[in-house]
C-alpha atoms as a PDB file:
ATOM      1  CA  MET A   1       0.282  -0.153  -0.198  1.00  0.00           C
ATOM      2  CA  THR A   2       0.969   3.487  -0.873  1.00  0.00           C
ATOM      3  CA  GLN A   3       2.104   5.575   2.226  1.00  0.00           C
ATOM      4  CA  ARG A   4       3.004   9.450   2.763  1.00  0.00           C
ATOM      5  CA  VAL A   5       6.737   9.120   3.977  1.00  0.00           C
ATOM      6  CA  LEU A   6       8.276  11.687   5.837  1.00  0.00           C
ATOM      7  CA  VAL A   7      12.014  10.698   6.546  1.00  0.00           C
ATOM      8  CA  THR A   8      14.281  13.561   8.675  1.00  0.00           C
ATOM      9  CA  GLY A   9      17.984  13.643   8.152  1.00  0.00           C
ATOM     10  CA  ALA A  10      16.867  13.029   4.212  1.00  0.00           C
ATOM     11  CA  ALA A  11      20.220  14.578   2.663  1.00  0.00           C
ATOM     12  CA  GLY A  12      22.341  12.272   5.125  1.00  0.00           C
ATOM     13  CA  PHE A  13      24.487   9.225   4.457  1.00  0.00           C
ATOM     14  CA  ILE A  14      21.852   7.014   5.484  1.00  0.00           C
ATOM     15  CA  GLY A  15      18.847   9.028   5.013  1.00  0.00           C
ATOM     16  CA  SER A  16      19.226   9.974   1.310  1.00  0.00           C
ATOM     17  CA  SER A  17      19.371   6.219   0.515  1.00  0.00           C
ATOM     18  CA  LEU A  18      16.341   5.099   2.432  1.00  0.00           C
ATOM     19  CA  CYS A  19      14.568   7.940   0.178  1.00  0.00           C
ATOM     20  CA  GLU A  20      15.638   6.457  -2.408  1.00  0.00           C
ATOM     21  CA  ARG A  21      14.460   2.970  -1.476  1.00  0.00           C
ATOM     22  CA  LEU A  22      10.983   4.291  -0.368  1.00  0.00           C
ATOM     23  CA  ILE A  23      10.712   5.999  -3.535  1.00  0.00           C
ATOM     24  CA  ALA A  24      11.710   2.825  -5.538  1.00  0.00           C
ATOM     25  CA  GLU A  25       9.170   1.356  -3.752  1.00  0.00           C
ATOM     26  CA  GLY A  26       6.022   3.755  -5.002  1.00  0.00           C
ATOM     27  CA  HIS A  27       5.712   5.698  -1.623  1.00  0.00           C
ATOM     28  CA  THR A  28       5.091   9.838  -1.606  1.00  0.00           C
ATOM     29  CA  VAL A  29       7.913  11.117   0.217  1.00  0.00           C
ATOM     30  CA  VAL A  30       9.008  14.240   2.058  1.00  0.00           C
ATOM     31  CA  GLY A  31      12.545  14.801   3.255  1.00  0.00           C
ATOM     32  CA  ILE A  32      13.948  17.357   5.235  1.00  0.00           C
ATOM     33  CA  ASP A  33      17.195  18.134   6.389  1.00  0.00           C
ATOM     34  CA  ASN A  34      19.243  21.364   7.332  1.00  0.00           C
ATOM     35  CA  PHE A  35      22.519  20.498   5.867  1.00  0.00           C
ATOM     36  CA  PHE A  36      24.559  20.487   8.720  1.00  0.00           C
ATOM     37  CA  ARG A  37      25.767  17.253   7.643  1.00  0.00           C
ATOM     38  CA  GLY A  38      24.238  16.058   5.132  1.00  0.00           C
ATOM     39  CA  SER A  39      24.278  16.995   0.868  1.00  0.00           C
ATOM     40  CA  ARG A  40      21.430  18.197  -1.955  1.00  0.00           C
ATOM     41  CA  SER A  41      23.611  16.512  -4.193  1.00  0.00           C
ATOM     42  CA  HIS A  42      22.709  13.035  -2.190  1.00  0.00           C
ATOM     43  CA  LEU A  43      19.486  13.386  -3.864  1.00  0.00           C
ATOM     44  CA  SER A  44      20.129  14.190  -6.924  1.00  0.00           C
ATOM     45  CA  THR A  45      18.846  10.922  -8.154  1.00  0.00           C
ATOM     46  CA  ILE A  46      15.148  11.551  -6.972  1.00  0.00           C
ATOM     47  CA  GLU A  47      14.952  15.031  -6.511  1.00  0.00           C
ATOM     48  CA  SER A  48      13.362  15.557  -9.635  1.00  0.00           C
ATOM     49  CA  HIS A  49      10.569  12.574  -9.425  1.00  0.00           C
ATOM     50  CA  PRO A  50       7.092  13.703  -8.918  1.00  0.00           C
ATOM     51  CA  GLU A  51       6.591  11.815  -5.488  1.00  0.00           C
ATOM     52  CA  PHE A  52       9.302  13.171  -3.640  1.00  0.00           C
ATOM     53  CA  SER A  53       9.635  16.494  -2.134  1.00  0.00           C
ATOM     54  CA  PHE A  54      12.096  18.907  -0.212  1.00  0.00           C
ATOM     55  CA  TYR A  55      12.186  20.881   2.577  1.00  0.00           C
ATOM     56  CA  GLU A  56      15.357  22.553   3.854  1.00  0.00           C
ATOM     57  CA  GLY A  57      14.366  23.198   7.575  1.00  0.00           C
ATOM     58  CA  ASP A  58      15.193  22.113  11.361  1.00  0.00           C
ATOM     59  CA  VAL A  59      14.025  19.157  13.023  1.00  0.00           C
ATOM     60  CA  THR A  60      13.508  20.992  16.573  1.00  0.00           C
ATOM     61  CA  SER A  61      11.402  23.676  14.803  1.00  0.00           C
ATOM     62  CA  LEU A  62       7.870  21.936  14.889  1.00  0.00           C
ATOM     63  CA  LYS A  63       6.598  24.859  12.851  1.00  0.00           C
ATOM     64  CA  GLU A  64       9.072  23.777  10.120  1.00  0.00           C
ATOM     65  CA  ILE A  65       7.847  19.943  10.872  1.00  0.00           C
ATOM     66  CA  GLN A  66       4.517  20.640  10.268  1.00  0.00           C
ATOM     67  CA  ALA A  67       4.969  22.749   7.407  1.00  0.00           C
ATOM     68  CA  CYS A  68       6.309  19.248   5.566  1.00  0.00           C
ATOM     69  CA  ALA A  69       2.398  18.288   5.958  1.00  0.00           C
ATOM     70  CA  GLU A  70       1.320  20.507   3.673  1.00  0.00           C
ATOM     71  CA  VAL A  71       2.356  18.804   0.652  1.00  0.00           C
ATOM     72  CA  THR A  72       0.809  15.447   1.676  1.00  0.00           C
ATOM     73  CA  LYS A  73      -1.967  16.681   4.489  1.00  0.00           C
ATOM     74  CA  GLY A  74      -0.288  14.636   6.830  1.00  0.00           C
ATOM     75  CA  PHE A  75       1.985  11.687   6.957  1.00  0.00           C
ATOM     76  CA  ASP A  76       1.705   7.751   7.447  1.00  0.00           C
ATOM     77  CA  LEU A  77       4.902   6.917   8.302  1.00  0.00           C
ATOM     78  CA  VAL A  78       7.712   9.118   9.990  1.00  0.00           C
ATOM     79  CA  HIS A  79      11.467   8.022   9.589  1.00  0.00           C
ATOM     80  CA  HIS A  80      13.583  10.282  12.461  1.00  0.00           C
ATOM     81  CA  LEU A  81      16.985   9.849  11.043  1.00  0.00           C
ATOM     82  CA  ALA A  82      18.205  13.439  11.637  1.00  0.00           C
ATOM     83  CA  ALA A  83      20.819  13.940  14.176  1.00  0.00           C
ATOM     84  CA  ILE A  84      24.452  15.360  15.003  1.00  0.00           C
ATOM     85  CA  ASN A  85      26.686  11.979  14.830  1.00  0.00           C
ATOM     86  CA  GLY A  86      30.245  12.221  14.618  1.00  0.00           C
ATOM     87  CA  THR A  87      32.591  11.657  17.172  1.00  0.00           C
ATOM     88  CA  LYS A  88      34.690  14.870  17.153  1.00  0.00           C
ATOM     89  CA  TRP A  89      31.178  16.836  17.256  1.00  0.00           C
ATOM     90  CA  PHE A  90      30.353  14.480  20.654  1.00  0.00           C
ATOM     91  CA  HIS A  91      33.837  16.520  22.469  1.00  0.00           C
ATOM     92  CA  GLU A  92      33.242  19.926  20.808  1.00  0.00           C
ATOM     93  CA  THR A  93      29.454  20.781  20.824  1.00  0.00           C
ATOM     94  CA  PRO A  94      27.817  18.330  23.019  1.00  0.00           C
ATOM     95  CA  ARG A  95      25.039  20.637  23.976  1.00  0.00           C
ATOM     96  CA  HIS A  96      24.129  21.062  20.509  1.00  0.00           C
ATOM     97  CA  VAL A  97      24.350  17.266  19.962  1.00  0.00           C
ATOM     98  CA  MET A  98      21.719  16.884  22.851  1.00  0.00           C
ATOM     99  CA  GLU A  99      19.822  19.659  22.072  1.00  0.00           C
ATOM    100  CA  THR A 100      19.482  18.230  17.914  1.00  0.00           C
ATOM    101  CA  ASN A 101      19.156  14.667  18.848  1.00  0.00           C
ATOM    102  CA  ILE A 102      16.623  15.064  22.275  1.00  0.00           C
ATOM    103  CA  ILE A 103      14.128  17.941  21.121  1.00  0.00           C
ATOM    104  CA  GLY A 104      14.253  16.811  17.461  1.00  0.00           C
ATOM    105  CA  THR A 105      12.978  13.201  18.895  1.00  0.00           C
ATOM    106  CA  LEU A 106      10.248  14.875  20.543  1.00  0.00           C
ATOM    107  CA  ARG A 107       9.235  16.846  18.121  1.00  0.00           C
ATOM    108  CA  THR A 108       8.794  14.524  15.930  1.00  0.00           C
ATOM    109  CA  LEU A 109       6.893  12.439  18.377  1.00  0.00           C
ATOM    110  CA  GLU A 110       4.242  15.325  18.934  1.00  0.00           C
ATOM    111  CA  ALA A 111       4.004  15.956  14.920  1.00  0.00           C
ATOM    112  CA  ALA A 112       3.855  11.596  14.398  1.00  0.00           C
ATOM    113  CA  GLU A 113       1.061  11.484  17.012  1.00  0.00           C
ATOM    114  CA  SER A 114      -1.049  14.878  15.589  1.00  0.00           C
ATOM    115  CA  TRP A 115      -0.974  12.817  12.323  1.00  0.00           C
ATOM    116  CA  GLY A 116      -1.249   9.148  13.366  1.00  0.00           C
ATOM    117  CA  ALA A 117       1.507   8.187  11.975  1.00  0.00           C
ATOM    118  CA  ARG A 118       3.472   5.216  12.347  1.00  0.00           C
ATOM    119  CA  TYR A 119       7.359   6.565  13.247  1.00  0.00           C
ATOM    120  CA  VAL A 120      10.208   4.951  13.466  1.00  0.00           C
ATOM    121  CA  LEU A 121      13.645   6.200  15.487  1.00  0.00           C
ATOM    122  CA  ALA A 122      17.093   5.664  14.456  1.00  0.00           C
ATOM    123  CA  SER A 123      18.857   5.418  17.660  1.00  0.00           C
ATOM    124  CA  SER A 124      22.408   3.898  17.971  1.00  0.00           C
ATOM    125  CA  PRO A 125      24.523   1.351  19.700  1.00  0.00           C
ATOM    126  CA  GLU A 126      26.270   4.273  21.291  1.00  0.00           C
ATOM    127  CA  ALA A 127      22.797   3.976  23.582  1.00  0.00           C
ATOM    128  CA  PHE A 128      24.226   0.867  25.305  1.00  0.00           C
ATOM    129  CA  GLY A 129      26.555   3.148  26.867  1.00  0.00           C
ATOM    130  CA  ASP A 130      29.987   1.883  28.134  1.00  0.00           C
ATOM    131  CA  THR A 131      28.846  -1.470  28.275  1.00  0.00           C
ATOM    132  CA  LYS A 132      31.117  -4.696  28.061  1.00  0.00           C
ATOM    133  CA  THR A 133      28.795  -7.602  27.844  1.00  0.00           C
ATOM    134  CA  MET A 134      28.485  -8.784  24.163  1.00  0.00           C
ATOM    135  CA  PRO A 135      26.933  -9.648  22.136  1.00  0.00           C
ATOM    136  CA  LEU A 136      24.262  -6.000  22.238  1.00  0.00           C
ATOM    137  CA  LEU A 137      21.167  -7.686  22.881  1.00  0.00           C
ATOM    138  CA  GLU A 138      17.947  -5.462  21.643  1.00  0.00           C
ATOM    139  CA  GLU A 139      16.776  -5.290  25.571  1.00  0.00           C
ATOM    140  CA  GLN A 140      20.016  -4.971  26.777  1.00  0.00           C
ATOM    141  CA  SER A 141      21.175  -2.339  29.572  1.00  0.00           C
ATOM    142  CA  SER A 142      22.587   0.929  29.342  1.00  0.00           C
ATOM    143  CA  MET A 143      25.784   2.048  31.422  1.00  0.00           C
ATOM    144  CA  PHE A 144      27.301   5.278  31.378  1.00  0.00           C
ATOM    145  CA  PRO A 145      30.419   6.838  33.249  1.00  0.00           C
ATOM    146  CA  SER A 146      31.047   9.889  35.179  1.00  0.00           C
ATOM    147  CA  ALA A 147      30.149  12.645  32.795  1.00  0.00           C
ATOM    148  CA  HIS A 148      33.201  14.111  34.490  1.00  0.00           C
ATOM    149  CA  SER A 149      35.424  11.783  32.473  1.00  0.00           C
ATOM    150  CA  HIS A 150      34.390  13.293  29.243  1.00  0.00           C
ATOM    151  CA  GLN A 151      31.565  14.398  26.369  1.00  0.00           C
ATOM    152  CA  ARG A 152      31.664  11.392  24.217  1.00  0.00           C
ATOM    153  CA  PHE A 153      27.719  10.351  25.379  1.00  0.00           C
ATOM    154  CA  SER A 154      26.387  13.631  24.733  1.00  0.00           C
ATOM    155  CA  TYR A 155      25.351  11.440  21.823  1.00  0.00           C
ATOM    156  CA  GLY A 156      25.017   7.854  23.417  1.00  0.00           C
ATOM    157  CA  ALA A 157      23.153   9.215  26.543  1.00  0.00           C
ATOM    158  CA  SER A 158      20.923  11.452  23.971  1.00  0.00           C
ATOM    159  CA  LYS A 159      19.963   8.323  21.897  1.00  0.00           C
ATOM    160  CA  TYR A 160      19.108   6.374  25.229  1.00  0.00           C
ATOM    161  CA  LEU A 161      16.946   9.067  26.114  1.00  0.00           C
ATOM    162  CA  ASP A 162      15.382   9.215  22.745  1.00  0.00           C
ATOM    163  CA  GLU A 163      14.461   5.575  23.037  1.00  0.00           C
ATOM    164  CA  VAL A 164      12.767   6.699  26.514  1.00  0.00           C
ATOM    165  CA  ALA A 165      10.654   9.086  25.074  1.00  0.00           C
ATOM    166  CA  VAL A 166       9.707   6.803  22.088  1.00  0.00           C
ATOM    167  CA  GLN A 167       8.657   3.713  24.754  1.00  0.00           C
ATOM    168  CA  HIS A 168       6.774   6.965  26.361  1.00  0.00           C
ATOM    169  CA  ALA A 169       4.712   7.224  23.079  1.00  0.00           C
ATOM    170  CA  VAL A 170       3.846   3.882  22.659  1.00  0.00           C
ATOM    171  CA  ARG A 171       2.330   3.924  26.047  1.00  0.00           C
ATOM    172  CA  CYS A 172       0.049   6.825  24.847  1.00  0.00           C
ATOM    173  CA  GLY A 173      -0.844   4.795  21.430  1.00  0.00           C
ATOM    174  CA  VAL A 174       1.499   5.778  18.908  1.00  0.00           C
ATOM    175  CA  ASP A 175       3.240   2.381  16.647  1.00  0.00           C
ATOM    176  CA  ALA A 176       6.368   3.208  17.257  1.00  0.00           C
ATOM    177  CA  ARG A 177       9.801   0.722  16.527  1.00  0.00           C
ATOM    178  CA  ILE A 178      13.147   1.638  17.191  1.00  0.00           C
ATOM    179  CA  VAL A 179      16.433   0.383  14.656  1.00  0.00           C
ATOM    180  CA  ARG A 180      19.953   0.508  15.652  1.00  0.00           C
ATOM    181  CA  PRO A 181      22.643   0.133  12.690  1.00  0.00           C
ATOM    182  CA  PHE A 182      25.478  -0.815  13.824  1.00  0.00           C
ATOM    183  CA  ASN A 183      28.358   0.790  12.249  1.00  0.00           C
ATOM    184  CA  ALA A 184      26.763   1.310   8.710  1.00  0.00           C
ATOM    185  CA  TYR A 185      29.225   2.216   5.582  1.00  0.00           C
ATOM    186  CA  GLY A 186      29.110   2.656   1.818  1.00  0.00           C
ATOM    187  CA  PRO A 187      28.940   5.916  -0.646  1.00  0.00           C
ATOM    188  CA  ARG A 188      28.046   8.871   0.669  1.00  0.00           C
ATOM    189  CA  MET A 189      29.760   8.483   3.696  1.00  0.00           C
ATOM    190  CA  LEU A 190      31.459  11.193   5.141  1.00  0.00           C
ATOM    191  CA  GLY A 191      35.428  10.758   5.425  1.00  0.00           C
ATOM    192  CA  ASP A 192      36.873  14.745   6.885  1.00  0.00           C
ATOM    193  CA  ALA A 193      37.607  14.467  10.549  1.00  0.00           C
ATOM    194  CA  TYR A 194      34.135  14.598  11.784  1.00  0.00           C
ATOM    195  CA  GLY A 195      32.674  11.807  10.002  1.00  0.00           C
ATOM    196  CA  GLN A 196      33.300   7.858  10.550  1.00  0.00           C
ATOM    197  CA  VAL A 197      36.010   5.396  10.508  1.00  0.00           C
ATOM    198  CA  ILE A 198      35.515   3.916   7.479  1.00  0.00           C
ATOM    199  CA  GLY A 199      34.967   7.191   5.392  1.00  0.00           C
ATOM    200  CA  MET A 200      38.173   8.675   7.310  1.00  0.00           C
ATOM    201  CA  MET A 201      40.500   5.720   6.022  1.00  0.00           C
ATOM    202  CA  PHE A 202      39.592   5.876   2.382  1.00  0.00           C
ATOM    203  CA  GLN A 203      39.626   9.813   2.245  1.00  0.00           C
ATOM    204  CA  SER A 204      43.519   8.788   3.430  1.00  0.00           C
ATOM    205  CA  VAL A 205      43.729   6.577   0.446  1.00  0.00           C
ATOM    206  CA  LEU A 206      42.720   9.224  -1.341  1.00  0.00           C
ATOM    207  CA  ASP A 207      44.760  12.104  -0.460  1.00  0.00           C
ATOM    208  CA  GLU A 208      47.591   9.581  -0.656  1.00  0.00           C
ATOM    209  CA  VAL A 209      48.337   9.590   2.909  1.00  0.00           C
ATOM    210  CA  PRO A 210      49.384   6.779   5.884  1.00  0.00           C
ATOM    211  CA  ILE A 211      45.784   5.874   7.815  1.00  0.00           C
ATOM    212  CA  LEU A 212      45.108   7.199  11.242  1.00  0.00           C
ATOM    213  CA  ILE A 213      44.520   4.693  13.771  1.00  0.00           C
ATOM    214  CA  HIS A 214      43.264   5.804  17.381  1.00  0.00           C
ATOM    215  CA  ASN A 215      44.351   4.526  20.562  1.00  0.00           C
ATOM    216  CA  GLY A 216      46.427   1.560  19.428  1.00  0.00           C
ATOM    217  CA  GLY A 217      43.992  -0.100  16.778  1.00  0.00           C
ATOM    218  CA  GLY A 218      43.039  -3.288  18.677  1.00  0.00           C
ATOM    219  CA  GLN A 219      39.229  -1.765  19.663  1.00  0.00           C
ATOM    220  CA  THR A 220      36.511  -3.729  16.860  1.00  0.00           C
ATOM    221  CA  ARG A 221      33.468  -3.074  15.498  1.00  0.00           C
ATOM    222  CA  CYS A 222      30.941  -4.871  13.157  1.00  0.00           C
ATOM    223  CA  PHE A 223      30.275  -2.619   9.789  1.00  0.00           C
ATOM    224  CA  SER A 224      27.310  -2.780   7.773  1.00  0.00           C
ATOM    225  CA  TYR A 225      26.798  -1.924   3.917  1.00  0.00           C
ATOM    226  CA  ILE A 226      24.419   0.898   3.618  1.00  0.00           C
ATOM    227  CA  GLU A 227      21.816  -1.459   1.692  1.00  0.00           C
ATOM    228  CA  ASP A 228      21.389  -3.787   4.362  1.00  0.00           C
ATOM    229  CA  ILE A 229      20.856  -0.865   6.819  1.00  0.00           C
ATOM    230  CA  VAL A 230      18.538   0.903   4.787  1.00  0.00           C
ATOM    231  CA  GLU A 231      16.539  -2.595   4.174  1.00  0.00           C
ATOM    232  CA  GLY A 232      16.382  -2.636   8.252  1.00  0.00           C
ATOM    233  CA  PHE A 233      14.766   0.449   8.212  1.00  0.00           C
ATOM    234  CA  PHE A 234      12.708  -0.500   5.234  1.00  0.00           C
ATOM    235  CA  LEU A 235      10.947  -3.496   6.969  1.00  0.00           C
ATOM    236  CA  ALA A 236      10.859  -1.788  10.595  1.00  0.00           C
ATOM    237  CA  GLY A 237       8.515   1.058   8.931  1.00  0.00           C
ATOM    238  CA  GLU A 238       6.579  -1.430   6.080  1.00  0.00           C
ATOM    239  CA  LEU A 239       5.383  -4.369   7.831  1.00  0.00           C
ATOM    240  CA  ASP A 240       2.392  -4.231  10.108  1.00  0.00           C
ATOM    241  CA  GLU A 241       2.946  -7.165  11.559  1.00  0.00           C
ATOM    242  CA  ALA A 242       6.114  -9.565  12.871  1.00  0.00           C
ATOM    243  CA  VAL A 243       6.881 -11.860  10.536  1.00  0.00           C
ATOM    244  CA  ASP A 244       6.706 -14.833  12.867  1.00  0.00           C
ATOM    245  CA  ASP A 245       3.667 -13.578  14.431  1.00  0.00           C
ATOM    246  CA  SER A 246       4.842 -13.782  17.610  1.00  0.00           C
ATOM    247  CA  VAL A 247       4.514 -10.370  18.749  1.00  0.00           C
ATOM    248  CA  THR A 248       3.710  -6.747  18.047  1.00  0.00           C
ATOM    249  CA  LEU A 249       6.521  -5.081  16.136  1.00  0.00           C
ATOM    250  CA  SER A 250       5.331  -1.726  18.419  1.00  0.00           C
ATOM    251  CA  GLY A 251       8.106  -0.739  20.781  1.00  0.00           C
ATOM    252  CA  ARG A 252      10.320  -3.235  19.912  1.00  0.00           C
ATOM    253  CA  CYS A 253      14.216  -2.569  19.463  1.00  0.00           C
ATOM    254  CA  PHE A 254      16.229  -3.700  16.133  1.00  0.00           C
ATOM    255  CA  ASN A 255      19.799  -4.166  16.375  1.00  0.00           C
ATOM    256  CA  ILE A 256      20.527  -4.086  12.525  1.00  0.00           C
ATOM    257  CA  GLY A 257      24.417  -5.304  11.728  1.00  0.00           C
ATOM    258  CA  THR A 258      26.671  -8.068  11.211  1.00  0.00           C
ATOM    259  CA  SER A 259      28.402 -10.217  13.553  1.00  0.00           C
ATOM    260  CA  GLU A 260      31.886 -10.138  11.118  1.00  0.00           C
ATOM    261  CA  GLU A 261      33.910  -8.709  14.292  1.00  0.00           C
ATOM    262  CA  ILE A 262      37.391  -6.918  12.779  1.00  0.00           C
ATOM    263  CA  THR A 263      39.926  -4.489  15.014  1.00  0.00           C
ATOM    264  CA  MET A 264      40.862  -0.762  13.603  1.00  0.00           C
ATOM    265  CA  ASN A 265      44.294  -1.980  12.488  1.00  0.00           C
ATOM    266  CA  ASP A 266      42.722  -5.471  10.215  1.00  0.00           C
ATOM    267  CA  LEU A 267      40.438  -2.835   8.901  1.00  0.00           C
ATOM    268  CA  ALA A 268      43.257  -0.605   7.769  1.00  0.00           C
ATOM    269  CA  GLN A 269      44.682  -3.408   5.778  1.00  0.00           C
ATOM    270  CA  HIS A 270      41.366  -4.519   4.447  1.00  0.00           C
ATOM    271  CA  ILE A 271      41.178  -0.679   3.226  1.00  0.00           C
ATOM    272  CA  LEU A 272      44.621  -0.520   1.730  1.00  0.00           C
ATOM    273  CA  ALA A 273      44.349  -4.291  -0.350  1.00  0.00           C
ATOM    274  CA  VAL A 274      41.363  -3.526  -1.826  1.00  0.00           C
ATOM    275  CA  SER A 275      42.477   0.251  -2.863  1.00  0.00           C
ATOM    276  CA  SER A 276      46.177  -1.656  -3.771  1.00  0.00           C
ATOM    277  CA  LYS A 277      47.410   1.097  -1.495  1.00  0.00           C
ATOM    278  CA  GLU A 278      49.750  -0.798   1.073  1.00  0.00           C
ATOM    279  CA  GLY A 279      52.431   1.519   0.147  1.00  0.00           C
ATOM    280  CA  LEU A 280      50.764   4.059   2.012  1.00  0.00           C
ATOM    281  CA  GLY A 281      50.815   2.297   5.443  1.00  0.00           C
ATOM    282  CA  THR A 282      49.280   3.301   9.002  1.00  0.00           C
ATOM    283  CA  VAL A 283      50.517   5.841  11.564  1.00  0.00           C
ATOM    284  CA  HIS A 284      49.340   5.242  15.100  1.00  0.00           C
ATOM    285  CA  THR A 285      47.749   8.562  17.386  1.00  0.00           C
ATOM    286  CA  GLU A 286      46.079   9.105  20.267  1.00  0.00           C
ATOM    287  CA  GLY A 287      42.109   9.024  19.735  1.00  0.00           C
ATOM    288  CA  HIS A 288      38.991  10.503  21.313  1.00  0.00           C
ATOM    289  CA  PRO A 289      38.283   9.691  24.961  1.00  0.00           C
ATOM    290  CA  GLY A 290      35.604   6.936  25.437  1.00  0.00           C
ATOM    291  CA  ASP A 291      36.336   5.146  22.628  1.00  0.00           C
ATOM    292  CA  SER A 292      34.376   1.645  23.144  1.00  0.00           C
ATOM    293  CA  SER A 293      36.968  -1.510  22.936  1.00  0.00           C
ATOM    294  CA  ARG A 294      34.177  -3.930  21.478  1.00  0.00           C
ATOM    295  CA  ARG A 295      31.235  -3.577  20.320  1.00  0.00           C
ATOM    296  CA  VAL A 296      29.211  -6.690  18.577  1.00  0.00           C
ATOM    297  CA  PRO A 297      25.057  -6.739  17.993  1.00  0.00           C
ATOM    298  CA  ASP A 298      22.682  -9.611  18.543  1.00  0.00           C
ATOM    299  CA  CYS A 299      20.283  -9.240  15.890  1.00  0.00           C
ATOM    300  CA  GLU A 300      18.172 -12.263  16.081  1.00  0.00           C
ATOM    301  CA  ALA A 301      14.807  -9.989  16.894  1.00  0.00           C
ATOM    302  CA  ALA A 302      15.141  -8.160  13.368  1.00  0.00           C
ATOM    303  CA  MET A 303      15.967 -11.463  11.731  1.00  0.00           C
ATOM    304  CA  THR A 304      12.659 -13.463  13.601  1.00  0.00           C
ATOM    305  CA  GLY A 305      10.335 -10.081  13.795  1.00  0.00           C
ATOM    306  CA  LEU A 306      11.471  -8.284  10.652  1.00  0.00           C
ATOM    307  CA  GLY A 307      12.812 -11.363   8.309  1.00  0.00           C
ATOM    308  CA  TRP A 308      15.654  -8.980   7.780  1.00  0.00           C
ATOM    309  CA  SER A 309      19.316 -10.717   7.207  1.00  0.00           C
ATOM    310  CA  PRO A 310      22.345  -9.125   6.172  1.00  0.00           C
ATOM    311  CA  LYS A 311      24.105  -9.724   2.712  1.00  0.00           C
ATOM    312  CA  VAL A 312      26.805  -7.648   2.502  1.00  0.00           C
ATOM    313  CA  GLY A 313      29.905  -8.845   3.749  1.00  0.00           C
ATOM    314  CA  LEU A 314      32.678  -6.541   4.468  1.00  0.00           C
ATOM    315  CA  LYS A 315      35.450  -7.131   1.667  1.00  0.00           C
ATOM    316  CA  ASP A 316      32.874  -6.889  -0.868  1.00  0.00           C
ATOM    317  CA  GLY A 317      31.030  -4.058   0.788  1.00  0.00           C
ATOM    318  CA  LEU A 318      34.554  -2.281   1.117  1.00  0.00           C
ATOM    319  CA  ARG A 319      35.617  -3.018  -2.865  1.00  0.00           C
ATOM    320  CA  ARG A 320      31.888  -1.434  -3.959  1.00  0.00           C
ATOM    321  CA  MET A 321      32.439   1.410  -1.771  1.00  0.00           C
ATOM    322  CA  TRP A 322      36.081   1.981  -2.974  1.00  0.00           C
ATOM    323  CA  ASP A 323      34.590   1.235  -6.921  1.00  0.00           C
ATOM    324  CA  HIS A 324      32.200   4.358  -5.965  1.00  0.00           C
ATOM    325  CA  LEU A 325      34.950   6.817  -4.149  1.00  0.00           C
ATOM    326  CA  ARG A 326      37.461   5.909  -7.584  1.00  0.00           C
END
């Protein structure tokens, strides 16, 4: 069934790819973004599509969110992806991070309630804080260190509060679901100092300089290609019921990721190999404080409830990204 869909953060890395998928599925899509991190060029493939509209605005403003609905007279589904991400921002502008992430979620939830719309929140594994228990389960407890230590969890704690707000909305009757993408990567990913690790490593290769590795490089992550991430978001918004008919989807949390765990040192070697730039080598440097030593998702709920599973392995995904970048 065709839906009227609002996508916040529509010009971002994940948001733009989700907009493309929704348009391809026949939905009417309105995107909103203030271009803090997103780029209009990310929407070039759909900007002239008759079922796509774009509004340049801020999700912390209910007035600007409501203005998006003038095109469609309300929405059936809201995908809320707008947020300030990027480790450097967490330490440099923590209040801005918290304001955008928390107020943006509160305002979009308020709008979704007024439209009677389904709501999908883009949360993050950072919402688990500094918990050491792996793999990370959908309902696992969060643990945050003292705020005196550093500002990294301006992002993670804001995402935790976002989830609290969504669960409250569910108790008030909103059909809402939470998606936690684990270390998404792919084309359109930011590679500057405010970006994420794979984008930054590939940018070093493009600049013909050694890859910087923070904090020894022994920390591990599980990286997920953009197509798999978008599929998780799409299913979370599209499905009325769980595919296994076990429980309702409203109020559920879905980790979207892989179990293919890799150290940052090995990741750098993979990127140098796929780009045939082994001669550039690596350089170790001190990174930002509070970096998690390990992060591995348990995605059982997404697999059984959404019928989702990852399709793109890391080496294949890195090769696809490199082919796009060059």
